[in-house]
């Protein structure tokens, strides 16, 4: 499986971020064709104390081609546009492959 990973730094207003992320952004993202699973993890700290990161979202696709096709859809474009509107300055996007 291939993952599109979104790693978010600490937002200025956690409550406003959570409100938008969970009630607006996640439902838009969940509609992307080819998305097999979406896992969201709140970062609660690090072994050395606080973390500069707040949230991790892993979006699973069957393979690179499935991800590539998904990124061309209107649903993906809507998700990306929304992402940039509320978290463009705090998100890092990555692509990863699961290793067995």
PDB file of N, CA and C in Angstrom:
ATOM      1  N   UNK A   1       0.835  -1.185   0.000  1.00  0.00           N
ATOM      2  CA  UNK A   1       0.000   0.000   0.000  1.00  0.00           C
ATOM      3  C   UNK A   1       0.876   1.243   0.000  1.00  0.00           C
ATOM      4  N   UNK A   2       0.304   2.304  -0.522  1.00  0.00           N
ATOM      5  CA  UNK A   2       0.953   3.607  -0.578  1.00  0.00           C
ATOM      6  C   UNK A   2       0.143   4.565   0.278  1.00  0.00           C
ATOM      7  N   UNK A   3       0.840   5.438   0.981  1.00  0.00           N
ATOM      8  CA  UNK A   3       0.169   6.415   1.833  1.00  0.00           C
ATOM      9  C   UNK A   3       0.502   7.835   1.387  1.00  0.00           C
ATOM     10  N   UNK A   4      -0.508   8.669   1.411  1.00  0.00           N
ATOM     11  CA  UNK A   4      -0.303  10.100   1.348  1.00  0.00           C
ATOM     12  C   UNK A   4      -0.373  10.550   2.804  1.00  0.00           C
ATOM     13  N   UNK A   5       0.676  11.187   3.276  1.00  0.00           N
ATOM     14  CA  UNK A   5       0.789  11.534   4.687  1.00  0.00           C
ATOM     15  C   UNK A   5       0.773  13.051   4.839  1.00  0.00           C
ATOM     16  N   UNK A   6      -0.073  13.520   5.749  1.00  0.00           N
ATOM     17  CA  UNK A   6      -0.122  14.947   6.085  1.00  0.00           C
ATOM     18  C   UNK A   6       0.321  15.090   7.533  1.00  0.00           C
ATOM     19  N   UNK A   7       1.377  15.864   7.759  1.00  0.00           N
ATOM     20  CA  UNK A   7       1.891  16.101   9.098  1.00  0.00           C
ATOM     21  C   UNK A   7       1.725  17.587   9.406  1.00  0.00           C
ATOM     22  N   UNK A   8       0.974  17.865  10.460  1.00  0.00           N
ATOM     23  CA  UNK A   8       0.631  19.238  10.815  1.00  0.00           C
ATOM     24  C   UNK A   8       1.428  19.705  12.024  1.00  0.00           C
ATOM     25  N   UNK A   9       1.991  20.908  11.944  1.00  0.00           N
ATOM     26  CA  UNK A   9       2.618  21.542  13.096  1.00  0.00           C
ATOM     27  C   UNK A   9       1.515  22.064  14.021  1.00  0.00           C
ATOM     28  N   UNK A  10       1.905  22.526  15.182  1.00  0.00           N
ATOM     29  CA  UNK A  10       0.943  23.067  16.144  1.00  0.00           C
ATOM     30  C   UNK A  10       0.213  24.265  15.534  1.00  0.00           C
ATOM     31  N   UNK A  11      -1.128  24.238  15.519  1.00  0.00           N
ATOM     32  CA  UNK A  11      -1.880  25.404  15.026  1.00  0.00           C
ATOM     33  C   UNK A  11      -1.927  26.502  16.089  1.00  0.00           C
ATOM     34  N   UNK A  12      -2.147  27.718  15.652  1.00  0.00           N
ATOM     35  CA  UNK A  12      -2.259  28.840  16.593  1.00  0.00           C
ATOM     36  C   UNK A  12      -3.472  28.666  17.493  1.00  0.00           C
ATOM     37  N   UNK A  13      -4.573  28.169  16.907  1.00  0.00           N
ATOM     38  CA  UNK A  13      -5.815  27.973  17.656  1.00  0.00           C
ATOM     39  C   UNK A  13      -6.254  26.521  17.475  1.00  0.00           C
ATOM     40  N   UNK A  14      -5.939  25.674  18.441  1.00  0.00           N
ATOM     41  CA  UNK A  14      -6.244  24.242  18.326  1.00  0.00           C
ATOM     42  C   UNK A  14      -7.739  23.980  18.189  1.00  0.00           C
ATOM     43  N   UNK A  15      -8.541  24.702  18.940  1.00  0.00           N
ATOM     44  CA  UNK A  15      -9.988  24.482  18.894  1.00  0.00           C
ATOM     45  C   UNK A  15     -10.550  24.794  17.503  1.00  0.00           C
ATOM     46  N   UNK A  16     -10.144  25.905  16.932  1.00  0.00           N
ATOM     47  CA  UNK A  16     -10.610  26.274  15.583  1.00  0.00           C
ATOM     48  C   UNK A  16     -10.085  25.271  14.549  1.00  0.00           C
ATOM     49  N   UNK A  17      -8.832  24.851  14.697  1.00  0.00           N
ATOM     50  CA  UNK A  17      -8.258  23.859  13.792  1.00  0.00           C
ATOM     51  C   UNK A  17      -9.075  22.571  13.842  1.00  0.00           C
ATOM     52  N   UNK A  18      -9.301  22.048  15.057  1.00  0.00           N
ATOM     53  CA  UNK A  18     -10.051  20.797  15.207  1.00  0.00           C
ATOM     54  C   UNK A  18     -11.451  20.912  14.620  1.00  0.00           C
ATOM     55  N   UNK A  19     -12.110  22.025  14.877  1.00  0.00           N
ATOM     56  CA  UNK A  19     -13.461  22.243  14.357  1.00  0.00           C
ATOM     57  C   UNK A  19     -13.461  22.121  12.836  1.00  0.00           C
ATOM     58  N   UNK A  20     -12.542  22.817  12.195  1.00  0.00           N
ATOM     59  CA  UNK A  20     -12.500  22.779  10.731  1.00  0.00           C
ATOM     60  C   UNK A  20     -12.012  21.422  10.223  1.00  0.00           C
ATOM     61  N   UNK A  21     -10.953  20.901  10.825  1.00  0.00           N
ATOM     62  CA  UNK A  21     -10.373  19.649  10.344  1.00  0.00           C
ATOM     63  C   UNK A  21     -11.378  18.498  10.396  1.00  0.00           C
ATOM     64  N   UNK A  22     -12.007  18.321  11.539  1.00  0.00           N
ATOM     65  CA  UNK A  22     -12.878  17.161  11.722  1.00  0.00           C
ATOM     66  C   UNK A  22     -14.282  17.343  11.138  1.00  0.00           C
ATOM     67  N   UNK A  23     -14.775  18.570  11.046  1.00  0.00           N
ATOM     68  CA  UNK A  23     -16.144  18.791  10.567  1.00  0.00           C
ATOM     69  C   UNK A  23     -16.237  19.240   9.118  1.00  0.00           C
ATOM     70  N   UNK A  24     -15.136  19.743   8.566  1.00  0.00           N
ATOM     71  CA  UNK A  24     -15.147  20.214   7.175  1.00  0.00           C
ATOM     72  C   UNK A  24     -14.138  19.431   6.329  1.00  0.00           C
ATOM     73  N   UNK A  25     -12.870  19.495   6.731  1.00  0.00           N
ATOM     74  CA  UNK A  25     -11.816  18.928   5.878  1.00  0.00           C
ATOM     75  C   UNK A  25     -11.873  17.399   5.762  1.00  0.00           C
ATOM     76  N   UNK A  26     -11.986  16.714   6.873  1.00  0.00           N
ATOM     77  CA  UNK A  26     -12.011  15.239   6.825  1.00  0.00           C
ATOM     78  C   UNK A  26     -13.160  14.696   5.974  1.00  0.00           C
ATOM     79  N   UNK A  27     -14.381  15.230   6.093  1.00  0.00           N
ATOM     80  CA  UNK A  27     -15.462  14.729   5.232  1.00  0.00           C
ATOM     81  C   UNK A  27     -15.200  14.968   3.741  1.00  0.00           C
ATOM     82  N   UNK A  28     -14.564  16.080   3.401  1.00  0.00           N
ATOM     83  CA  UNK A  28     -14.215  16.342   1.991  1.00  0.00           C
ATOM     84  C   UNK A  28     -13.196  15.303   1.529  1.00  0.00           C
ATOM     85  N   UNK A  29     -12.160  15.085   2.333  1.00  0.00           N
ATOM     86  CA  UNK A  29     -11.090  14.155   1.986  1.00  0.00           C
ATOM     87  C   UNK A  29     -11.603  12.724   1.878  1.00  0.00           C
ATOM     88  N   UNK A  30     -12.511  12.342   2.745  1.00  0.00           N
ATOM     89  CA  UNK A  30     -13.038  10.971   2.751  1.00  0.00           C
ATOM     90  C   UNK A  30     -13.752  10.610   1.455  1.00  0.00           C
ATOM     91  N   UNK A  31     -14.145  11.593   0.670  1.00  0.00           N
ATOM     92  CA  UNK A  31     -14.863  11.349  -0.590  1.00  0.00           C
ATOM     93  C   UNK A  31     -13.933  11.104  -1.778  1.00  0.00           C
ATOM     94  N   UNK A  32     -12.609  11.191  -1.568  1.00  0.00           N
ATOM     95  CA  UNK A  32     -11.676  11.030  -2.688  1.00  0.00           C
ATOM     96  C   UNK A  32     -11.740   9.588  -3.208  1.00  0.00           C
ATOM     97  N   UNK A  33     -12.013   9.416  -4.511  1.00  0.00           N
ATOM     98  CA  UNK A  33     -12.066   8.062  -5.087  1.00  0.00           C
ATOM     99  C   UNK A  33     -10.725   7.340  -4.932  1.00  0.00           C
ATOM    100  N   UNK A  34     -10.805   6.066  -4.594  1.00  0.00           N
ATOM    101  CA  UNK A  34      -9.596   5.262  -4.462  1.00  0.00           C
ATOM    102  C   UNK A  34      -9.009   5.260  -3.065  1.00  0.00           C
ATOM    103  N   UNK A  35      -9.466   6.160  -2.195  1.00  0.00           N
ATOM    104  CA  UNK A  35      -8.983   6.195  -0.819  1.00  0.00           C
ATOM    105  C   UNK A  35      -9.506   4.964  -0.087  1.00  0.00           C
ATOM    106  N   UNK A  36      -8.596   4.136   0.412  1.00  0.00           N
ATOM    107  CA  UNK A  36      -8.986   2.887   1.075  1.00  0.00           C
ATOM    108  C   UNK A  36      -9.243   3.066   2.557  1.00  0.00           C
ATOM    109  N   UNK A  37      -8.442   3.931   3.178  1.00  0.00           N
ATOM    110  CA  UNK A  37      -8.542   4.111   4.625  1.00  0.00           C
ATOM    111  C   UNK A  37      -7.872   5.431   4.975  1.00  0.00           C
ATOM    112  N   UNK A  38      -8.382   6.083   6.008  1.00  0.00           N
ATOM    113  CA  UNK A  38      -7.780   7.312   6.491  1.00  0.00           C
ATOM    114  C   UNK A  38      -7.627   7.186   8.007  1.00  0.00           C
ATOM    115  N   UNK A  39      -6.400   7.303   8.495  1.00  0.00           N
ATOM    116  CA  UNK A  39      -6.132   7.223   9.930  1.00  0.00           C
ATOM    117  C   UNK A  39      -5.587   8.559  10.410  1.00  0.00           C
ATOM    118  N   UNK A  40      -6.185   9.084  11.476  1.00  0.00           N
ATOM    119  CA  UNK A  40      -5.768  10.362  12.036  1.00  0.00           C
ATOM    120  C   UNK A  40      -5.224  10.128  13.440  1.00  0.00           C
ATOM    121  N   UNK A  41      -4.060  10.684  13.718  1.00  0.00           N
ATOM    122  CA  UNK A  41      -3.412  10.550  15.026  1.00  0.00           C
ATOM    123  C   UNK A  41      -3.121  11.938  15.573  1.00  0.00           C
ATOM    124  N   UNK A  42      -3.606  12.215  16.788  1.00  0.00           N
ATOM    125  CA  UNK A  42      -3.219  13.452  17.467  1.00  0.00           C
ATOM    126  C   UNK A  42      -1.901  13.194  18.179  1.00  0.00           C
ATOM    127  N   UNK A  43      -0.958  14.087  17.973  1.00  0.00           N
ATOM    128  CA  UNK A  43       0.349  13.976  18.613  1.00  0.00           C
ATOM    129  C   UNK A  43       0.209  14.599  20.007  1.00  0.00           C
ATOM    130  N   UNK A  44       0.518  13.818  21.030  1.00  0.00           N
ATOM    131  CA  UNK A  44       0.314  14.286  22.405  1.00  0.00           C
ATOM    132  C   UNK A  44       1.624  14.606  23.129  1.00  0.00           C
ATOM    133  N   UNK A  45       2.732  14.435  22.462  1.00  0.00           N
ATOM    134  CA  UNK A  45       4.020  14.738  23.072  1.00  0.00           C
ATOM    135  C   UNK A  45       5.131  13.990  22.368  1.00  0.00           C
ATOM    136  N   UNK A  46       6.303  14.024  22.954  1.00  0.00           N
ATOM    137  CA  UNK A  46       7.448  13.279  22.439  1.00  0.00           C
ATOM    138  C   UNK A  46       8.230  12.753  23.635  1.00  0.00           C
ATOM    139  N   UNK A  47       9.166  11.849  23.417  1.00  0.00           N
ATOM    140  CA  UNK A  47       9.958  11.341  24.539  1.00  0.00           C
ATOM    141  C   UNK A  47      10.730  12.436  25.283  1.00  0.00           C
ATOM    142  N   UNK A  48      10.934  13.572  24.608  1.00  0.00           N
ATOM    143  CA  UNK A  48      11.671  14.669  25.243  1.00  0.00           C
ATOM    144  C   UNK A  48      10.757  15.781  25.743  1.00  0.00           C
ATOM    145  N   UNK A  49       9.444  15.546  25.716  1.00  0.00           N
ATOM    146  CA  UNK A  49       8.499  16.562  26.196  1.00  0.00           C
ATOM    147  C   UNK A  49       7.477  16.914  25.137  1.00  0.00           C
ATOM    148  N   UNK A  50       7.276  18.206  24.920  1.00  0.00           N
ATOM    149  CA  UNK A  50       6.298  18.655  23.936  1.00  0.00           C
ATOM    150  C   UNK A  50       6.808  18.420  22.520  1.00  0.00           C
ATOM    151  N   UNK A  51       5.859  18.335  21.601  1.00  0.00           N
ATOM    152  CA  UNK A  51       6.187  18.144  20.191  1.00  0.00           C
ATOM    153  C   UNK A  51       5.812  19.388  19.406  1.00  0.00           C
ATOM    154  N   UNK A  52       6.571  19.677  18.355  1.00  0.00           N
ATOM    155  CA  UNK A  52       6.201  20.785  17.480  1.00  0.00           C
ATOM    156  C   UNK A  52       5.083  20.361  16.521  1.00  0.00           C
ATOM    157  N   UNK A  53       4.745  19.052  16.546  1.00  0.00           N
ATOM    158  CA  UNK A  53       3.693  18.539  15.673  1.00  0.00           C
ATOM    159  C   UNK A  53       2.396  18.324  16.443  1.00  0.00           C
ATOM    160  N   UNK A  54       1.284  18.457  15.727  1.00  0.00           N
ATOM    161  CA  UNK A  54      -0.038  18.378  16.351  1.00  0.00           C
ATOM    162  C   UNK A  54      -0.861  17.186  15.855  1.00  0.00           C
ATOM    163  N   UNK A  55      -0.777  16.913  14.557  1.00  0.00           N
ATOM    164  CA  UNK A  55      -1.664  15.915  13.970  1.00  0.00           C
ATOM    165  C   UNK A  55      -0.969  15.222  12.811  1.00  0.00           C
ATOM    166  N   UNK A  56      -1.278  13.938  12.634  1.00  0.00           N
ATOM    167  CA  UNK A  56      -0.771  13.136  11.526  1.00  0.00           C
ATOM    168  C   UNK A  56      -1.968  12.459  10.881  1.00  0.00           C
ATOM    169  N   UNK A  57      -2.064  12.579   9.568  1.00  0.00           N
ATOM    170  CA  UNK A  57      -3.127  11.884   8.834  1.00  0.00           C
ATOM    171  C   UNK A  57      -2.476  11.017   7.768  1.00  0.00           C
ATOM    172  N   UNK A  58      -2.837   9.719   7.772  1.00  0.00           N
ATOM    173  CA  UNK A  58      -2.337   8.784   6.779  1.00  0.00           C
ATOM    174  C   UNK A  58      -3.507   8.334   5.906  1.00  0.00           C
ATOM    175  N   UNK A  59      -3.381   8.569   4.609  1.00  0.00           N
ATOM    176  CA  UNK A  59      -4.421   8.224   3.646  1.00  0.00           C
ATOM    177  C   UNK A  59      -3.891   7.111   2.752  1.00  0.00           C
ATOM    178  N   UNK A  60      -4.526   5.969   2.798  1.00  0.00           N
ATOM    179  CA  UNK A  60      -4.034   4.762   2.145  1.00  0.00           C
ATOM    180  C   UNK A  60      -4.651   4.551   0.767  1.00  0.00           C
ATOM    181  N   UNK A  61      -3.782   4.177  -0.178  1.00  0.00           N
ATOM    182  CA  UNK A  61      -4.186   3.835  -1.543  1.00  0.00           C
ATOM    183  C   UNK A  61      -3.549   2.503  -1.916  1.00  0.00           C
ATOM    184  N   UNK A  62      -4.144   1.805  -2.879  1.00  0.00           N
ATOM    185  CA  UNK A  62      -3.640   0.487  -3.276  1.00  0.00           C
ATOM    186  C   UNK A  62      -2.201   0.528  -3.771  1.00  0.00           C
ATOM    187  N   UNK A  63      -1.890   1.551  -4.580  1.00  0.00           N
ATOM    188  CA  UNK A  63      -0.567   1.650  -5.181  1.00  0.00           C
ATOM    189  C   UNK A  63      -0.346   3.075  -5.683  1.00  0.00           C
ATOM    190  N   UNK A  64       0.829   3.326  -6.239  1.00  0.00           N
ATOM    191  CA  UNK A  64       1.155   4.670  -6.718  1.00  0.00           C
ATOM    192  C   UNK A  64       0.200   5.139  -7.811  1.00  0.00           C
ATOM    193  N   UNK A  65      -0.178   4.231  -8.691  1.00  0.00           N
ATOM    194  CA  UNK A  65      -1.088   4.607  -9.779  1.00  0.00           C
ATOM    195  C   UNK A  65      -2.444   5.025  -9.229  1.00  0.00           C
ATOM    196  N   UNK A  66      -2.939   4.324  -8.223  1.00  0.00           N
ATOM    197  CA  UNK A  66      -4.221   4.684  -7.598  1.00  0.00           C
ATOM    198  C   UNK A  66      -4.142   6.069  -6.969  1.00  0.00           C
ATOM    199  N   UNK A  67      -3.034   6.350  -6.302  1.00  0.00           N
ATOM    200  CA  UNK A  67      -2.845   7.677  -5.707  1.00  0.00           C
ATOM    201  C   UNK A  67      -2.774   8.744  -6.795  1.00  0.00           C
ATOM    202  N   UNK A  68      -2.026   8.456  -7.844  1.00  0.00           N
ATOM    203  CA  UNK A  68      -1.884   9.409  -8.946  1.00  0.00           C
ATOM    204  C   UNK A  68      -3.244   9.729  -9.564  1.00  0.00           C
ATOM    205  N   UNK A  69      -4.055   8.716  -9.784  1.00  0.00           N
ATOM    206  CA  UNK A  69      -5.386   8.922 -10.355  1.00  0.00           C
ATOM    207  C   UNK A  69      -6.290   9.689  -9.391  1.00  0.00           C
ATOM    208  N   UNK A  70      -6.189   9.357  -8.114  1.00  0.00           N
ATOM    209  CA  UNK A  70      -7.010  10.039  -7.101  1.00  0.00           C
ATOM    210  C   UNK A  70      -6.704  11.530  -7.056  1.00  0.00           C
ATOM    211  N   UNK A  71      -5.432  11.885  -7.214  1.00  0.00           N
ATOM    212  CA  UNK A  71      -5.029  13.289  -7.124  1.00  0.00           C
ATOM    213  C   UNK A  71      -5.570  14.129  -8.279  1.00  0.00           C
ATOM    214  N   UNK A  72      -6.046  13.482  -9.329  1.00  0.00           N
ATOM    215  CA  UNK A  72      -6.598  14.193 -10.484  1.00  0.00           C
ATOM    216  C   UNK A  72      -8.093  14.469 -10.351  1.00  0.00           C
ATOM    217  N   UNK A  73      -8.725  13.928  -9.323  1.00  0.00           N
ATOM    218  CA  UNK A  73     -10.188  14.035  -9.203  1.00  0.00           C
ATOM    219  C   UNK A  73     -10.616  15.378  -8.614  1.00  0.00           C
ATOM    220  N   UNK A  74     -11.869  15.732  -8.885  1.00  0.00           N
ATOM    221  CA  UNK A  74     -12.437  16.961  -8.325  1.00  0.00           C
ATOM    222  C   UNK A  74     -12.449  16.915  -6.801  1.00  0.00           C
ATOM    223  N   UNK A  75     -12.693  15.730  -6.237  1.00  0.00           N
ATOM    224  CA  UNK A  75     -12.727  15.588  -4.784  1.00  0.00           C
ATOM    225  C   UNK A  75     -11.364  15.883  -4.167  1.00  0.00           C
ATOM    226  N   UNK A  76     -10.315  15.397  -4.812  1.00  0.00           N
ATOM    227  CA  UNK A  76      -8.961  15.655  -4.319  1.00  0.00           C
ATOM    228  C   UNK A  76      -8.611  17.135  -4.441  1.00  0.00           C
ATOM    229  N   UNK A  77      -9.001  17.732  -5.545  1.00  0.00           N
ATOM    230  CA  UNK A  77      -8.739  19.162  -5.736  1.00  0.00           C
ATOM    231  C   UNK A  77      -9.480  19.989  -4.686  1.00  0.00           C
ATOM    232  N   UNK A  78     -10.700  19.591  -4.352  1.00  0.00           N
ATOM    233  CA  UNK A  78     -11.463  20.290  -3.310  1.00  0.00           C
ATOM    234  C   UNK A  78     -10.779  20.138  -1.955  1.00  0.00           C
ATOM    235  N   UNK A  79     -10.270  18.943  -1.677  1.00  0.00           N
ATOM    236  CA  UNK A  79      -9.566  18.700  -0.421  1.00  0.00           C
ATOM    237  C   UNK A  79      -8.303  19.561  -0.344  1.00  0.00           C
ATOM    238  N   UNK A  80      -7.546  19.602  -1.419  1.00  0.00           N
ATOM    239  CA  UNK A  80      -6.326  20.404  -1.450  1.00  0.00           C
ATOM    240  C   UNK A  80      -6.602  21.890  -1.297  1.00  0.00           C
ATOM    241  N   UNK A  81      -7.636  22.363  -1.959  1.00  0.00           N
ATOM    242  CA  UNK A  81      -8.002  23.786  -1.854  1.00  0.00           C
ATOM    243  C   UNK A  81      -8.395  24.115  -0.419  1.00  0.00           C
ATOM    244  N   UNK A  82      -9.192  23.238   0.196  1.00  0.00           N
ATOM    245  CA  UNK A  82      -9.593  23.464   1.570  1.00  0.00           C
ATOM    246  C   UNK A  82      -8.380  23.429   2.496  1.00  0.00           C
ATOM    247  N   UNK A  83      -7.496  22.459   2.295  1.00  0.00           N
ATOM    248  CA  UNK A  83      -6.294  22.331   3.118  1.00  0.00           C
ATOM    249  C   UNK A  83      -5.483  23.626   3.112  1.00  0.00           C
ATOM    250  N   UNK A  84      -5.269  24.169   1.934  1.00  0.00           N
ATOM    251  CA  UNK A  84      -4.475  25.394   1.829  1.00  0.00           C
ATOM    252  C   UNK A  84      -5.170  26.577   2.499  1.00  0.00           C
ATOM    253  N   UNK A  85      -6.494  26.550   2.556  1.00  0.00           N
ATOM    254  CA  UNK A  85      -7.235  27.669   3.136  1.00  0.00           C
ATOM    255  C   UNK A  85      -7.125  27.746   4.654  1.00  0.00           C
ATOM    256  N   UNK A  86      -6.901  26.609   5.322  1.00  0.00           N
ATOM    257  CA  UNK A  86      -6.871  26.653   6.782  1.00  0.00           C
ATOM    258  C   UNK A  86      -5.559  26.145   7.392  1.00  0.00           C
ATOM    259  N   UNK A  87      -4.729  25.443   6.607  1.00  0.00           N
ATOM    260  CA  UNK A  87      -3.514  24.873   7.198  1.00  0.00           C
ATOM    261  C   UNK A  87      -2.322  24.873   6.251  1.00  0.00           C
ATOM    262  N   UNK A  88      -2.389  25.641   5.203  1.00  0.00           N
ATOM    263  CA  UNK A  88      -1.306  25.649   4.219  1.00  0.00           C
ATOM    264  C   UNK A  88       0.050  25.984   4.796  1.00  0.00           C
ATOM    265  N   UNK A  89       0.069  26.779   5.857  1.00  0.00           N
ATOM    266  CA  UNK A  89       1.335  27.201   6.442  1.00  0.00           C
ATOM    267  C   UNK A  89       1.864  26.246   7.513  1.00  0.00           C
ATOM    268  N   UNK A  90       1.084  25.216   7.876  1.00  0.00           N
ATOM    269  CA  UNK A  90       1.532  24.312   8.943  1.00  0.00           C
ATOM    270  C   UNK A  90       1.566  22.840   8.532  1.00  0.00           C
ATOM    271  N   UNK A  91       1.257  22.551   7.281  1.00  0.00           N
ATOM    272  CA  UNK A  91       1.198  21.150   6.849  1.00  0.00           C
ATOM    273  C   UNK A  91       2.371  20.799   5.947  1.00  0.00           C
ATOM    274  N   UNK A  92       2.867  19.574   6.117  1.00  0.00           N
ATOM    275  CA  UNK A  92       3.858  18.988   5.217  1.00  0.00           C
ATOM    276  C   UNK A  92       3.241  17.717   4.659  1.00  0.00           C
ATOM    277  N   UNK A  93       3.279  17.570   3.339  1.00  0.00           N
ATOM    278  CA  UNK A  93       2.710  16.401   2.672  1.00  0.00           C
ATOM    279  C   UNK A  93       3.853  15.501   2.196  1.00  0.00           C
ATOM    280  N   UNK A  94       3.654  14.169   2.378  1.00  0.00           N
ATOM    281  CA  UNK A  94       4.657  13.188   1.986  1.00  0.00           C
ATOM    282  C   UNK A  94       3.958  11.980   1.384  1.00  0.00           C
ATOM    283  N   UNK A  95       4.681  11.212   0.594  1.00  0.00           N
ATOM    284  CA  UNK A  95       4.192   9.935   0.076  1.00  0.00           C
ATOM    285  C   UNK A  95       5.092   8.853   0.626  1.00  0.00           C
ATOM    286  N   UNK A  96       4.484   7.789   1.146  1.00  0.00           N
ATOM    287  CA  UNK A  96       5.259   6.683   1.700  1.00  0.00           C
ATOM    288  C   UNK A  96       4.742   5.346   1.229  1.00  0.00           C
ATOM    289  N   UNK A  97       5.586   4.344   1.321  1.00  0.00           N
ATOM    290  CA  UNK A  97       5.209   2.968   1.004  1.00  0.00           C
ATOM    291  C   UNK A  97       5.323   2.142   2.263  1.00  0.00           C
ATOM    292  N   UNK A  98       4.334   1.280   2.506  1.00  0.00           N
ATOM    293  CA  UNK A  98       4.420   0.388   3.642  1.00  0.00           C
ATOM    294  C   UNK A  98       5.490  -0.676   3.358  1.00  0.00           C
ATOM    295  N   UNK A  99       6.252  -1.016   4.368  1.00  0.00           N
ATOM    296  CA  UNK A  99       7.303  -2.017   4.259  1.00  0.00           C
ATOM    297  C   UNK A  99       6.892  -3.206   5.111  1.00  0.00           C
ATOM    298  N   UNK A 100       6.951  -4.370   4.527  1.00  0.00           N
ATOM    299  CA  UNK A 100       6.563  -5.569   5.275  1.00  0.00           C
ATOM    300  C   UNK A 100       7.767  -6.284   5.815  1.00  0.00           C
TER     301      UNK A 100
END
